[in-house]
PDB file of N, CA and C in Angstrom:
ATOM      1  N   MET A   1      -2.809   4.922   4.134  1.00  0.00           N
ATOM      2  CA  MET A   1      -1.986   4.297   4.936  1.00  0.00           C
ATOM      3  C   MET A   1      -0.736   3.782   4.420  1.00  0.00           C
ATOM      4  N   LEU A   2       0.348   4.197   5.122  1.00  0.00           N
ATOM      5  CA  LEU A   2       1.314   3.360   4.371  1.00  0.00           C
ATOM      6  C   LEU A   2       2.251   2.656   5.485  1.00  0.00           C
ATOM      7  N   LEU A   3       3.258   1.917   4.866  1.00  0.00           N
ATOM      8  CA  LEU A   3       3.954   1.312   5.857  1.00  0.00           C
ATOM      9  C   LEU A   3       5.494   1.474   5.804  1.00  0.00           C
ATOM     10  N   LEU A   4       6.103   1.637   6.694  1.00  0.00           N
ATOM     11  CA  LEU A   4       7.405   1.886   7.013  1.00  0.00           C
ATOM     12  C   LEU A   4       8.212   0.731   7.182  1.00  0.00           C
ATOM     13  N   ARG A   5       8.944   0.541   5.961  1.00  0.00           N
ATOM     14  CA  ARG A   5       9.737  -0.484   5.433  1.00  0.00           C
ATOM     15  C   ARG A   5      10.668  -0.892   6.901  1.00  0.00           C
ATOM     16  N   ASP A   6      11.087  -2.145   6.915  1.00  0.00           N
ATOM     17  CA  ASP A   6      12.193  -2.524   7.915  1.00  0.00           C
ATOM     18  C   ASP A   6      13.714  -1.721   7.755  1.00  0.00           C
ATOM     19  N   ASP A   7      14.508  -1.408   8.562  1.00  0.00           N
ATOM     20  CA  ASP A   7      15.643  -0.889   8.291  1.00  0.00           C
ATOM     21  C   ASP A   7      16.730  -1.812   8.098  1.00  0.00           C
ATOM     22  N   ILE A   8      16.563  -2.955   7.109  1.00  0.00           N
ATOM     23  CA  ILE A   8      17.396  -3.996   7.128  1.00  0.00           C
ATOM     24  C   ILE A   8      18.514  -3.628   5.735  1.00  0.00           C
ATOM     25  N   PRO A   9      19.550  -3.419   5.874  1.00  0.00           N
ATOM     26  CA  PRO A   9      20.413  -3.058   4.551  1.00  0.00           C
ATOM     27  C   PRO A   9      20.232  -3.740   3.203  1.00  0.00           C
ATOM     28  N   ASP A  10      19.959  -4.940   3.523  1.00  0.00           N
ATOM     29  CA  ASP A  10      20.067  -5.995   2.275  1.00  0.00           C
ATOM     30  C   ASP A  10      18.765  -6.257   1.636  1.00  0.00           C
ATOM     31  N   ILE A  11      17.474  -5.446   1.998  1.00  0.00           N
ATOM     32  CA  ILE A  11      16.266  -5.209   1.320  1.00  0.00           C
ATOM     33  C   ILE A  11      15.958  -3.925   0.595  1.00  0.00           C
ATOM     34  N   PRO A  12      15.367  -4.021  -0.406  1.00  0.00           N
ATOM     35  CA  PRO A  12      15.387  -2.856  -1.156  1.00  0.00           C
ATOM     36  C   PRO A  12      14.573  -1.953  -0.317  1.00  0.00           C
ATOM     37  N   PHE A  13      14.961  -0.864  -0.637  1.00  0.00           N
ATOM     38  CA  PHE A  13      14.447   0.617   0.076  1.00  0.00           C
ATOM     39  C   PHE A  13      14.310   0.255   1.696  1.00  0.00           C
ATOM     40  N   PRO A  14      15.282   0.043   2.226  1.00  0.00           N
ATOM     41  CA  PRO A  14      15.290  -0.038   3.692  1.00  0.00           C
ATOM     42  C   PRO A  14      14.734   1.348   4.313  1.00  0.00           C
ATOM     43  N   GLY A  15      13.895   1.205   5.309  1.00  0.00           N
ATOM     44  CA  GLY A  15      13.542   2.678   6.350  1.00  0.00           C
ATOM     45  C   GLY A  15      12.709   3.488   5.364  1.00  0.00           C
ATOM     46  N   MET A  16      12.338   3.072   4.241  1.00  0.00           N
ATOM     47  CA  MET A  16      11.340   3.903   3.460  1.00  0.00           C
ATOM     48  C   MET A  16       9.895   3.892   3.762  1.00  0.00           C
ATOM     49  N   TRP A  17       8.953   4.738   3.371  1.00  0.00           N
ATOM     50  CA  TRP A  17       7.746   4.504   3.540  1.00  0.00           C
ATOM     51  C   TRP A  17       6.983   3.771   2.126  1.00  0.00           C
ATOM     52  N   ASP A  18       6.280   2.869   2.062  1.00  0.00           N
ATOM     53  CA  ASP A  18       6.190   2.285   1.118  1.00  0.00           C
ATOM     54  C   ASP A  18       4.563   1.801   1.332  1.00  0.00           C
ATOM     55  N   LEU A  19       3.841   1.746   0.086  1.00  0.00           N
ATOM     56  CA  LEU A  19       2.356   0.890  -0.068  1.00  0.00           C
ATOM     57  C   LEU A  19       2.391  -0.580   0.483  1.00  0.00           C
ATOM     58  N   PRO A  20       1.291  -0.623   1.114  1.00  0.00           N
ATOM     59  CA  PRO A  20       1.481  -2.471   1.521  1.00  0.00           C
ATOM     60  C   PRO A  20       0.944  -3.320   0.496  1.00  0.00           C
ATOM     61  N   GLY A  21       1.862  -4.251   0.669  1.00  0.00           N
ATOM     62  CA  GLY A  21       1.224  -5.110  -0.701  1.00  0.00           C
ATOM     63  C   GLY A  21       2.487  -6.105  -0.665  1.00  0.00           C
ATOM     64  N   GLY A  22       2.651  -6.801  -1.945  1.00  0.00           N
ATOM     65  CA  GLY A  22       3.509  -7.684  -2.136  1.00  0.00           C
ATOM     66  C   GLY A  22       3.344  -8.250  -3.767  1.00  0.00           C
ATOM     67  N   HIS A  23       4.252  -9.187  -3.879  1.00  0.00           N
ATOM     68  CA  HIS A  23       4.340 -10.079  -5.179  1.00  0.00           C
ATOM     69  C   HIS A  23       3.526 -11.450  -5.475  1.00  0.00           C
ATOM     70  N   MET A  24       2.569 -11.200  -6.406  1.00  0.00           N
ATOM     71  CA  MET A  24       1.656 -12.439  -6.313  1.00  0.00           C
ATOM     72  C   MET A  24       2.560 -13.862  -6.427  1.00  0.00           C
ATOM     73  N   GLU A  25       1.664 -14.756  -6.108  1.00  0.00           N
ATOM     74  CA  GLU A  25       2.117 -16.047  -6.110  1.00  0.00           C
ATOM     75  C   GLU A  25       1.522 -16.685  -7.505  1.00  0.00           C
ATOM     76  N   GLN A  26       2.176 -18.041  -7.976  1.00  0.00           N
ATOM     77  CA  GLN A  26       1.783 -18.603  -8.861  1.00  0.00           C
ATOM     78  C   GLN A  26       0.179 -18.866  -9.024  1.00  0.00           C
ATOM     79  N   ARG A  27      -0.523 -18.583 -10.304  1.00  0.00           N
ATOM     80  CA  ARG A  27      -1.950 -18.730 -10.232  1.00  0.00           C
ATOM     81  C   ARG A  27      -2.684 -17.610  -9.331  1.00  0.00           C
ATOM     82  N   GLU A  28      -2.058 -16.831  -8.797  1.00  0.00           N
ATOM     83  CA  GLU A  28      -2.736 -15.936  -8.135  1.00  0.00           C
ATOM     84  C   GLU A  28      -3.208 -14.653  -8.706  1.00  0.00           C
ATOM     85  N   THR A  29      -4.453 -14.001  -8.549  1.00  0.00           N
ATOM     86  CA  THR A  29      -4.997 -12.863  -9.168  1.00  0.00           C
ATOM     87  C   THR A  29      -4.406 -11.764  -8.363  1.00  0.00           C
ATOM     88  N   PRO A  30      -4.272 -10.640  -8.908  1.00  0.00           N
ATOM     89  CA  PRO A  30      -3.896  -9.381  -8.217  1.00  0.00           C
ATOM     90  C   PRO A  30      -4.751  -9.278  -7.082  1.00  0.00           C
ATOM     91  N   GLU A  31      -6.007  -9.419  -6.904  1.00  0.00           N
ATOM     92  CA  GLU A  31      -7.017  -9.187  -5.895  1.00  0.00           C
ATOM     93  C   GLU A  31      -6.706 -10.213  -4.743  1.00  0.00           C
ATOM     94  N   GLN A  32      -6.448 -11.496  -5.235  1.00  0.00           N
ATOM     95  CA  GLN A  32      -6.093 -12.497  -3.964  1.00  0.00           C
ATOM     96  C   GLN A  32      -4.720 -12.057  -3.409  1.00  0.00           C
ATOM     97  N   CYS A  33      -3.905 -11.610  -4.142  1.00  0.00           N
ATOM     98  CA  CYS A  33      -2.437 -11.178  -3.952  1.00  0.00           C
ATOM     99  C   CYS A  33      -2.829 -10.073  -2.653  1.00  0.00           C
ATOM    100  N   ILE A  34      -3.266  -9.088  -2.814  1.00  0.00           N
ATOM    101  CA  ILE A  34      -3.374  -8.082  -1.961  1.00  0.00           C
ATOM    102  C   ILE A  34      -4.316  -8.103  -0.667  1.00  0.00           C
ATOM    103  N   ARG A  35      -5.074  -9.401  -0.820  1.00  0.00           N
ATOM    104  CA  ARG A  35      -5.926  -9.701   0.235  1.00  0.00           C
ATOM    105  C   ARG A  35      -4.675 -10.632   1.074  1.00  0.00           C
ATOM    106  N   ARG A  36      -4.336 -11.580   0.658  1.00  0.00           N
ATOM    107  CA  ARG A  36      -3.285 -12.259   1.391  1.00  0.00           C
ATOM    108  C   ARG A  36      -2.229 -11.875   1.903  1.00  0.00           C
ATOM    109  N   GLU A  37      -1.527 -10.651   1.276  1.00  0.00           N
ATOM    110  CA  GLU A  37      -0.500  -9.829   1.340  1.00  0.00           C
ATOM    111  C   GLU A  37      -0.725  -8.836   2.996  1.00  0.00           C
ATOM    112  N   ILE A  38      -2.012  -8.398   2.787  1.00  0.00           N
ATOM    113  CA  ILE A  38      -2.313  -7.766   3.956  1.00  0.00           C
ATOM    114  C   ILE A  38      -2.844  -8.365   5.244  1.00  0.00           C
ATOM    115  N   LEU A  39      -3.272  -9.495   4.775  1.00  0.00           N
ATOM    116  CA  LEU A  39      -3.677 -10.560   5.755  1.00  0.00           C
ATOM    117  C   LEU A  39      -2.184 -11.178   6.556  1.00  0.00           C
ATOM    118  N   GLU A  40      -1.297 -11.419   5.826  1.00  0.00           N
ATOM    119  CA  GLU A  40      -0.215 -11.878   6.410  1.00  0.00           C
ATOM    120  C   GLU A  40       0.628 -10.601   7.088  1.00  0.00           C
ATOM    121  N   GLU A  41       0.873  -9.720   6.674  1.00  0.00           N
ATOM    122  CA  GLU A  41       1.397  -8.406   7.033  1.00  0.00           C
ATOM    123  C   GLU A  41       0.873  -7.603   8.230  1.00  0.00           C
ATOM    124  N   MET A  42      -0.228  -7.834   8.102  1.00  0.00           N
ATOM    125  CA  MET A  42      -0.940  -6.705   8.876  1.00  0.00           C
ATOM    126  C   MET A  42      -2.147  -7.291  10.111  1.00  0.00           C
ATOM    127  N   CYS A  43      -2.228  -8.821   9.773  1.00  0.00           N
ATOM    128  CA  CYS A  43      -3.515  -9.424  10.288  1.00  0.00           C
ATOM    129  C   CYS A  43      -4.991  -8.919   9.737  1.00  0.00           C
ATOM    130  N   ILE A  44      -5.130  -8.280   8.883  1.00  0.00           N
ATOM    131  CA  ILE A  44      -6.294  -7.532   8.487  1.00  0.00           C
ATOM    132  C   ILE A  44      -6.996  -8.264   7.409  1.00  0.00           C
ATOM    133  N   GLY A  45      -7.948  -8.634   7.369  1.00  0.00           N
ATOM    134  CA  GLY A  45      -8.892  -9.231   6.226  1.00  0.00           C
ATOM    135  C   GLY A  45      -9.568  -8.273   5.458  1.00  0.00           C
ATOM    136  N   LEU A  46      -9.472  -7.891   4.366  1.00  0.00           N
ATOM    137  CA  LEU A  46      -9.789  -7.037   3.708  1.00  0.00           C
ATOM    138  C   LEU A  46     -11.008  -7.307   3.254  1.00  0.00           C
ATOM    139  N   THR A  47     -12.364  -6.518   3.070  1.00  0.00           N
ATOM    140  CA  THR A  47     -13.647  -7.040   2.564  1.00  0.00           C
ATOM    141  C   THR A  47     -14.124  -6.177   1.669  1.00  0.00           C
ATOM    142  N   ASP A  48     -13.542  -5.156   1.343  1.00  0.00           N
ATOM    143  CA  ASP A  48     -14.508  -4.269   0.266  1.00  0.00           C
ATOM    144  C   ASP A  48     -13.396  -3.670  -0.758  1.00  0.00           C
ATOM    145  N   ILE A  49     -12.431  -4.236  -0.997  1.00  0.00           N
ATOM    146  CA  ILE A  49     -11.368  -3.695  -1.820  1.00  0.00           C
ATOM    147  C   ILE A  49     -11.717  -3.269  -3.324  1.00  0.00           C
ATOM    148  N   ARG A  50     -11.032  -2.303  -3.630  1.00  0.00           N
ATOM    149  CA  ARG A  50     -11.356  -2.138  -5.222  1.00  0.00           C
ATOM    150  C   ARG A  50     -10.267  -1.706  -5.872  1.00  0.00           C
ATOM    151  N   LEU A  51     -10.094  -1.884  -7.178  1.00  0.00           N
ATOM    152  CA  LEU A  51      -9.010  -1.417  -7.920  1.00  0.00           C
ATOM    153  C   LEU A  51      -9.165  -0.233  -8.052  1.00  0.00           C
ATOM    154  N   PHE A  52      -8.048   0.674  -7.909  1.00  0.00           N
ATOM    155  CA  PHE A  52      -7.665   1.937  -8.195  1.00  0.00           C
ATOM    156  C   PHE A  52      -7.215   2.109  -9.675  1.00  0.00           C
ATOM    157  N   ASP A  53      -6.264   1.314  -9.823  1.00  0.00           N
ATOM    158  CA  ASP A  53      -5.767   1.342 -11.349  1.00  0.00           C
ATOM    159  C   ASP A  53      -4.534   0.356 -11.364  1.00  0.00           C
ATOM    160  N   VAL A  54      -3.933   0.193 -12.776  1.00  0.00           N
ATOM    161  CA  VAL A  54      -2.791  -0.628 -13.074  1.00  0.00           C
ATOM    162  C   VAL A  54      -1.826   0.176 -13.588  1.00  0.00           C
ATOM    163  N   PHE A  55      -0.970   0.061 -13.011  1.00  0.00           N
ATOM    164  CA  PHE A  55       0.062   1.166 -13.551  1.00  0.00           C
ATOM    165  C   PHE A  55       1.262   0.137 -14.246  1.00  0.00           C
ATOM    166  N   ASP A  56       1.796   0.553 -15.312  1.00  0.00           N
ATOM    167  CA  ASP A  56       2.842  -0.111 -16.419  1.00  0.00           C
ATOM    168  C   ASP A  56       4.180   0.685 -15.784  1.00  0.00           C
ATOM    169  N   MET A  57       4.613   0.285 -14.926  1.00  0.00           N
ATOM    170  CA  MET A  57       6.236   1.014 -14.511  1.00  0.00           C
ATOM    171  C   MET A  57       7.231   0.313 -15.131  1.00  0.00           C
ATOM    172  N   ASP A  58       8.418   0.716 -15.080  1.00  0.00           N
ATOM    173  CA  ASP A  58       9.420   0.526 -16.030  1.00  0.00           C
ATOM    174  C   ASP A  58       9.902  -0.877 -15.456  1.00  0.00           C
ATOM    175  N   ASP A  59       9.486  -1.513 -14.708  1.00  0.00           N
ATOM    176  CA  ASP A  59      10.267  -3.011 -14.329  1.00  0.00           C
ATOM    177  C   ASP A  59       8.994  -3.974 -13.972  1.00  0.00           C
ATOM    178  N   ARG A  60       7.680  -3.529 -13.852  1.00  0.00           N
ATOM    179  CA  ARG A  60       6.763  -4.373 -13.449  1.00  0.00           C
ATOM    180  C   ARG A  60       5.206  -3.621 -13.730  1.00  0.00           C
ATOM    181  N   ILE A  61       4.355  -4.298 -13.463  1.00  0.00           N
ATOM    182  CA  ILE A  61       2.952  -3.961 -13.886  1.00  0.00           C
ATOM    183  C   ILE A  61       2.589  -3.975 -12.178  1.00  0.00           C
ATOM    184  N   GLU A  62       1.838  -2.947 -11.878  1.00  0.00           N
ATOM    185  CA  GLU A  62       1.424  -2.469 -10.643  1.00  0.00           C
ATOM    186  C   GLU A  62      -0.177  -2.526 -10.370  1.00  0.00           C
ATOM    187  N   HIS A  63      -0.745  -3.330  -9.742  1.00  0.00           N
ATOM    188  CA  HIS A  63      -2.049  -3.328  -9.549  1.00  0.00           C
ATOM    189  C   HIS A  63      -2.559  -2.549  -8.298  1.00  0.00           C
ATOM    190  N   THR A  64      -3.054  -1.490  -8.219  1.00  0.00           N
ATOM    191  CA  THR A  64      -3.212  -0.676  -6.844  1.00  0.00           C
ATOM    192  C   THR A  64      -4.704  -0.818  -6.521  1.00  0.00           C
ATOM    193  N   PHE A  65      -4.891  -0.992  -5.144  1.00  0.00           N
ATOM    194  CA  PHE A  65      -6.285  -1.555  -4.703  1.00  0.00           C
ATOM    195  C   PHE A  65      -6.468  -0.401  -3.554  1.00  0.00           C
ATOM    196  N   TRP A  66      -7.614  -0.035  -3.446  1.00  0.00           N
ATOM    197  CA  TRP A  66      -7.995   0.561  -1.895  1.00  0.00           C
ATOM    198  C   TRP A  66      -9.540   0.078  -1.155  1.00  0.00           C
ATOM    199  N   GLN A  67      -9.288   0.597  -0.066  1.00  0.00           N
ATOM    200  CA  GLN A  67     -10.727   0.368   0.710  1.00  0.00           C
ATOM    201  C   GLN A  67     -10.877   1.398   1.534  1.00  0.00           C
ATOM    202  N   ARG A  68     -12.334   1.888   1.805  1.00  0.00           N
ATOM    203  CA  ARG A  68     -12.488   2.946   2.954  1.00  0.00           C
ATOM    204  C   ARG A  68     -12.421   2.162   4.161  1.00  0.00           C
ATOM    205  N   ALA A  69     -11.309   2.994   5.255  1.00  0.00           N
ATOM    206  CA  ALA A  69     -11.131   2.148   6.292  1.00  0.00           C
ATOM    207  C   ALA A  69     -10.875   3.103   7.263  1.00  0.00           C
ATOM    208  N   ASN A  70     -11.094   2.837   8.601  1.00  0.00           N
ATOM    209  CA  ASN A  70     -11.008   3.766   9.745  1.00  0.00           C
ATOM    210  C   ASN A  70      -9.737   2.833  10.760  1.00  0.00           C
ATOM    211  N   PHE A  71      -8.853   2.054  10.410  1.00  0.00           N
ATOM    212  CA  PHE A  71      -8.176   1.438  11.518  1.00  0.00           C
ATOM    213  C   PHE A  71      -7.471   2.261  12.439  1.00  0.00           C
ATOM    214  N   ILE A  72      -7.182   1.812  13.478  1.00  0.00           N
ATOM    215  CA  ILE A  72      -6.366   2.335  14.547  1.00  0.00           C
ATOM    216  C   ILE A  72      -4.898   1.684  14.358  1.00  0.00           C
ATOM    217  N   VAL A  73      -4.072   2.577  14.163  1.00  0.00           N
ATOM    218  CA  VAL A  73      -2.962   2.036  13.498  1.00  0.00           C
ATOM    219  C   VAL A  73      -2.249   1.097  14.789  1.00  0.00           C
ATOM    220  N   ASP A  74      -2.295   1.637  15.989  1.00  0.00           N
ATOM    221  CA  ASP A  74      -1.787   0.947  17.109  1.00  0.00           C
ATOM    222  C   ASP A  74      -2.477  -0.294  17.344  1.00  0.00           C
ATOM    223  N   ASP A  75      -3.558  -0.600  16.947  1.00  0.00           N
ATOM    224  CA  ASP A  75      -4.122  -1.680  17.287  1.00  0.00           C
ATOM    225  C   ASP A  75      -4.026  -3.034  16.107  1.00  0.00           C
ATOM    226  N   ILE A  76      -3.292  -2.519  15.252  1.00  0.00           N
ATOM    227  CA  ILE A  76      -2.881  -3.433  13.993  1.00  0.00           C
ATOM    228  C   ILE A  76      -1.608  -4.304  14.469  1.00  0.00           C
ATOM    229  N   ASP A  77      -1.935  -5.608  14.238  1.00  0.00           N
ATOM    230  CA  ASP A  77      -0.709  -6.535  14.549  1.00  0.00           C
ATOM    231  C   ASP A  77       0.237  -6.765  13.462  1.00  0.00           C
ATOM    232  N   LEU A  78       1.222  -5.580  13.454  1.00  0.00           N
ATOM    233  CA  LEU A  78       2.010  -5.563  12.121  1.00  0.00           C
ATOM    234  C   LEU A  78       3.195  -6.776  12.148  1.00  0.00           C
ATOM    235  N   LYS A  79       3.270  -7.487  11.381  1.00  0.00           N
ATOM    236  CA  LYS A  79       4.152  -8.686  11.083  1.00  0.00           C
ATOM    237  C   LYS A  79       5.318  -8.428  10.710  1.00  0.00           C
ATOM    238  N   GLU A  80       5.320  -7.074   9.402  1.00  0.00           N
ATOM    239  CA  GLU A  80       6.472  -6.863   8.496  1.00  0.00           C
ATOM    240  C   GLU A  80       6.456  -5.327   8.738  1.00  0.00           C
ATOM    241  N   GLY A  81       7.528  -4.648   8.552  1.00  0.00           N
ATOM    242  CA  GLY A  81       7.739  -3.336   8.726  1.00  0.00           C
ATOM    243  C   GLY A  81       7.982  -2.677  10.092  1.00  0.00           C
ATOM    244  N   GLN A  82       8.389  -1.364  10.207  1.00  0.00           N
ATOM    245  CA  GLN A  82       8.655  -0.960  11.807  1.00  0.00           C
ATOM    246  C   GLN A  82       7.398  -0.282  12.123  1.00  0.00           C
ATOM    247  N   ARG A  83       6.536   0.156  11.366  1.00  0.00           N
ATOM    248  CA  ARG A  83       5.093   0.858  11.700  1.00  0.00           C
ATOM    249  C   ARG A  83       4.224   1.150  10.476  1.00  0.00           C
ATOM    250  N   ILE A  84       2.777   1.372  10.750  1.00  0.00           N
ATOM    251  CA  ILE A  84       2.312   1.896   9.830  1.00  0.00           C
ATOM    252  C   ILE A  84       1.550   3.171  10.096  1.00  0.00           C
ATOM    253  N   ASP A  85       1.239   3.952   9.152  1.00  0.00           N
ATOM    254  CA  ASP A  85       0.632   5.366   9.483  1.00  0.00           C
ATOM    255  C   ASP A  85      -0.264   5.903   8.382  1.00  0.00           C
ATOM    256  N   TRP A  86      -1.529   6.884   8.828  1.00  0.00           N
ATOM    257  CA  TRP A  86      -2.308   7.257   7.993  1.00  0.00           C
ATOM    258  C   TRP A  86      -1.338   8.520   7.321  1.00  0.00           C
ATOM    259  N   PHE A  87      -1.578   9.000   6.143  1.00  0.00           N
ATOM    260  CA  PHE A  87      -0.979   9.976   5.539  1.00  0.00           C
ATOM    261  C   PHE A  87      -1.996  10.938   4.736  1.00  0.00           C
ATOM    262  N   SER A  88      -2.189  12.375   4.773  1.00  0.00           N
ATOM    263  CA  SER A  88      -2.897  12.944   4.300  1.00  0.00           C
ATOM    264  C   SER A  88      -2.105  13.371   2.609  1.00  0.00           C
ATOM    265  N   GLU A  89      -2.731  14.395   1.854  1.00  0.00           N
ATOM    266  CA  GLU A  89      -1.969  14.599   0.788  1.00  0.00           C
ATOM    267  C   GLU A  89      -0.864  15.734   1.230  1.00  0.00           C
ATOM    268  N   ASN A  90      -1.282  16.336   2.159  1.00  0.00           N
ATOM    269  CA  ASN A  90      -0.146  17.626   2.419  1.00  0.00           C
ATOM    270  C   ASN A  90       0.843  16.749   3.132  1.00  0.00           C
ATOM    271  N   ASP A  91       0.576  15.652   4.079  1.00  0.00           N
ATOM    272  CA  ASP A  91       1.572  14.803   4.703  1.00  0.00           C
ATOM    273  C   ASP A  91       2.478  14.439   3.906  1.00  0.00           C
ATOM    274  N   LEU A  92       2.251  14.089   2.818  1.00  0.00           N
ATOM    275  CA  LEU A  92       3.466  13.467   1.756  1.00  0.00           C
ATOM    276  C   LEU A  92       4.306  14.367   0.838  1.00  0.00           C
ATOM    277  N   ALA A  93       3.992  15.633   1.313  1.00  0.00           N
ATOM    278  CA  ALA A  93       4.857  16.701   0.377  1.00  0.00           C
ATOM    279  C   ALA A  93       6.288  16.565   0.297  1.00  0.00           C
ATOM    280  N   GLY A  94       6.896  15.965   1.537  1.00  0.00           N
ATOM    281  CA  GLY A  94       8.238  15.647   1.546  1.00  0.00           C
ATOM    282  C   GLY A  94       8.535  14.367   1.742  1.00  0.00           C
ATOM    283  N   VAL A  95       7.911  13.351   1.558  1.00  0.00           N
ATOM    284  CA  VAL A  95       8.168  12.048   1.858  1.00  0.00           C
ATOM    285  C   VAL A  95       8.313  11.322   0.509  1.00  0.00           C
ATOM    286  N   GLU A  96       9.778  10.590   0.198  1.00  0.00           N
ATOM    287  CA  GLU A  96       9.917   9.825  -0.599  1.00  0.00           C
ATOM    288  C   GLU A  96       9.448   8.578  -0.508  1.00  0.00           C
ATOM    289  N   LEU A  97       8.745   7.666  -1.510  1.00  0.00           N
ATOM    290  CA  LEU A  97       8.165   6.615  -1.192  1.00  0.00           C
ATOM    291  C   LEU A  97       9.117   5.676  -2.158  1.00  0.00           C
ATOM    292  N   ALA A  98       9.158   4.133  -1.405  1.00  0.00           N
ATOM    293  CA  ALA A  98       9.776   3.322  -2.264  1.00  0.00           C
ATOM    294  C   ALA A  98       9.160   2.858  -3.405  1.00  0.00           C
ATOM    295  N   PHE A  99      10.015   2.172  -3.971  1.00  0.00           N
ATOM    296  CA  PHE A  99       9.534   1.404  -5.409  1.00  0.00           C
ATOM    297  C   PHE A  99       8.877   2.471  -6.496  1.00  0.00           C
ATOM    298  N   GLY A 100       9.003   3.788  -6.192  1.00  0.00           N
ATOM    299  CA  GLY A 100       8.294   4.657  -7.342  1.00  0.00           C
ATOM    300  C   GLY A 100       7.102   4.877  -7.078  1.00  0.00           C
ATOM    301  N   PHE A 101       6.412   4.654  -5.944  1.00  0.00           N
ATOM    302  CA  PHE A 101       4.871   4.652  -5.433  1.00  0.00           C
ATOM    303  C   PHE A 101       4.549   6.250  -5.360  1.00  0.00           C
ATOM    304  N   LYS A 102       5.508   7.200  -5.144  1.00  0.00           N
ATOM    305  CA  LYS A 102       4.993   8.944  -5.130  1.00  0.00           C
ATOM    306  C   LYS A 102       3.933   8.971  -6.100  1.00  0.00           C
ATOM    307  N   SER A 103       4.146   8.540  -7.412  1.00  0.00           N
ATOM    308  CA  SER A 103       3.383   9.345  -8.510  1.00  0.00           C
ATOM    309  C   SER A 103       2.169   8.582  -8.443  1.00  0.00           C
ATOM    310  N   ILE A 104       2.013   7.371  -7.928  1.00  0.00           N
ATOM    311  CA  ILE A 104       0.684   6.494  -8.054  1.00  0.00           C
ATOM    312  C   ILE A 104      -0.003   7.151  -6.655  1.00  0.00           C
ATOM    313  N   VAL A 105       0.261   7.583  -5.550  1.00  0.00           N
ATOM    314  CA  VAL A 105      -0.030   8.198  -4.517  1.00  0.00           C
ATOM    315  C   VAL A 105      -1.022   9.420  -4.928  1.00  0.00           C
ATOM    316  N   ALA A 106       0.200  10.122  -5.655  1.00  0.00           N
ATOM    317  CA  ALA A 106      -0.105  11.541  -6.140  1.00  0.00           C
ATOM    318  C   ALA A 106      -1.557  11.319  -7.067  1.00  0.00           C
ATOM    319  N   GLU A 107      -1.785  10.265  -7.935  1.00  0.00           N
ATOM    320  CA  GLU A 107      -2.922  10.156  -8.915  1.00  0.00           C
ATOM    321  C   GLU A 107      -3.828   9.583  -8.032  1.00  0.00           C
ATOM    322  N   PHE A 108      -3.751   9.041  -6.844  1.00  0.00           N
ATOM    323  CA  PHE A 108      -4.799   8.515  -6.131  1.00  0.00           C
ATOM    324  C   PHE A 108      -5.465   9.519  -5.553  1.00  0.00           C
ATOM    325  N   PHE A 109      -4.641  10.805  -4.992  1.00  0.00           N
ATOM    326  CA  PHE A 109      -5.366  11.960  -4.291  1.00  0.00           C
ATOM    327  C   PHE A 109      -5.825  12.785  -5.345  1.00  0.00           C
ATOM    328  N   ASN A 110      -5.376  12.864  -6.507  1.00  0.00           N
ATOM    329  CA  ASN A 110      -5.843  13.754  -7.503  1.00  0.00           C
ATOM    330  C   ASN A 110      -7.125  13.219  -7.857  1.00  0.00           C
ATOM    331  N   CYS A 111      -7.465  11.923  -8.301  1.00  0.00           N
ATOM    332  CA  CYS A 111      -8.470  11.331  -8.437  1.00  0.00           C
ATOM    333  C   CYS A 111      -9.674  11.249  -7.547  1.00  0.00           C
ATOM    334  N   ARG A 112      -9.210  11.014  -6.201  1.00  0.00           N
ATOM    335  CA  ARG A 112     -10.172  11.041  -5.341  1.00  0.00           C
ATOM    336  C   ARG A 112     -11.308   9.901  -5.441  1.00  0.00           C
ATOM    337  N   PRO A 113     -10.906   8.645  -5.569  1.00  0.00           N
ATOM    338  CA  PRO A 113     -12.051   7.635  -5.808  1.00  0.00           C
ATOM    339  C   PRO A 113     -13.072   7.459  -4.467  1.00  0.00           C
ATOM    340  N   TRP A 114     -12.603   8.019  -3.530  1.00  0.00           N
ATOM    341  CA  TRP A 114     -13.504   7.737  -2.304  1.00  0.00           C
ATOM    342  C   TRP A 114     -14.619   8.637  -2.369  1.00  0.00           C
ATOM    343  N   ARG A 115     -14.610   9.596  -2.956  1.00  0.00           N
ATOM    344  CA  ARG A 115     -15.842  10.570  -3.277  1.00  0.00           C
ATOM    345  C   ARG A 115     -16.764   9.959  -4.111  1.00  0.00           C
ATOM    346  N   GLU A 116     -16.326   9.302  -4.832  1.00  0.00           N
ATOM    347  CA  GLU A 116     -17.532   8.669  -6.002  1.00  0.00           C
ATOM    348  C   GLU A 116     -18.196   7.469  -5.046  1.00  0.00           C
ATOM    349  N   ASP A 117     -17.864   7.223  -3.878  1.00  0.00           N
ATOM    350  CA  ASP A 117     -17.918   5.699  -3.244  1.00  0.00           C
ATOM    351  C   ASP A 117     -18.727   6.167  -1.886  1.00  0.00           C
ATOM    352  N   ARG A 118     -19.507   7.400  -1.939  1.00  0.00           N
ATOM    353  CA  ARG A 118     -20.447   7.878  -0.831  1.00  0.00           C
ATOM    354  C   ARG A 118     -21.778   6.622  -0.652  1.00  0.00           C
TER     355      ARG A 118
END
């Protein structure tokens, strides 16, 4: 599931698809951060998140989580961004992602952690 960022010129990567999430607050763990951000941005309480991997990017460390879910995107009360949508590996072939996340999403599809989660 990806988030289409707001189309506001003064934010980074306006109008681009992005992984939902955000910045950690002081004394917050990465897991607490993703739970808070998803609740704030989509009014979704995550229940069974799992760490996919930690990526050392040029300008930051990214903790990437995942959860098996079957959300109906039209039913989500989106507070940030223009919309959200589900993407398959094939759907992403021509899509550029904000913040350099394309390689992380490609790695997620390559590893397929959900297959081990049956």
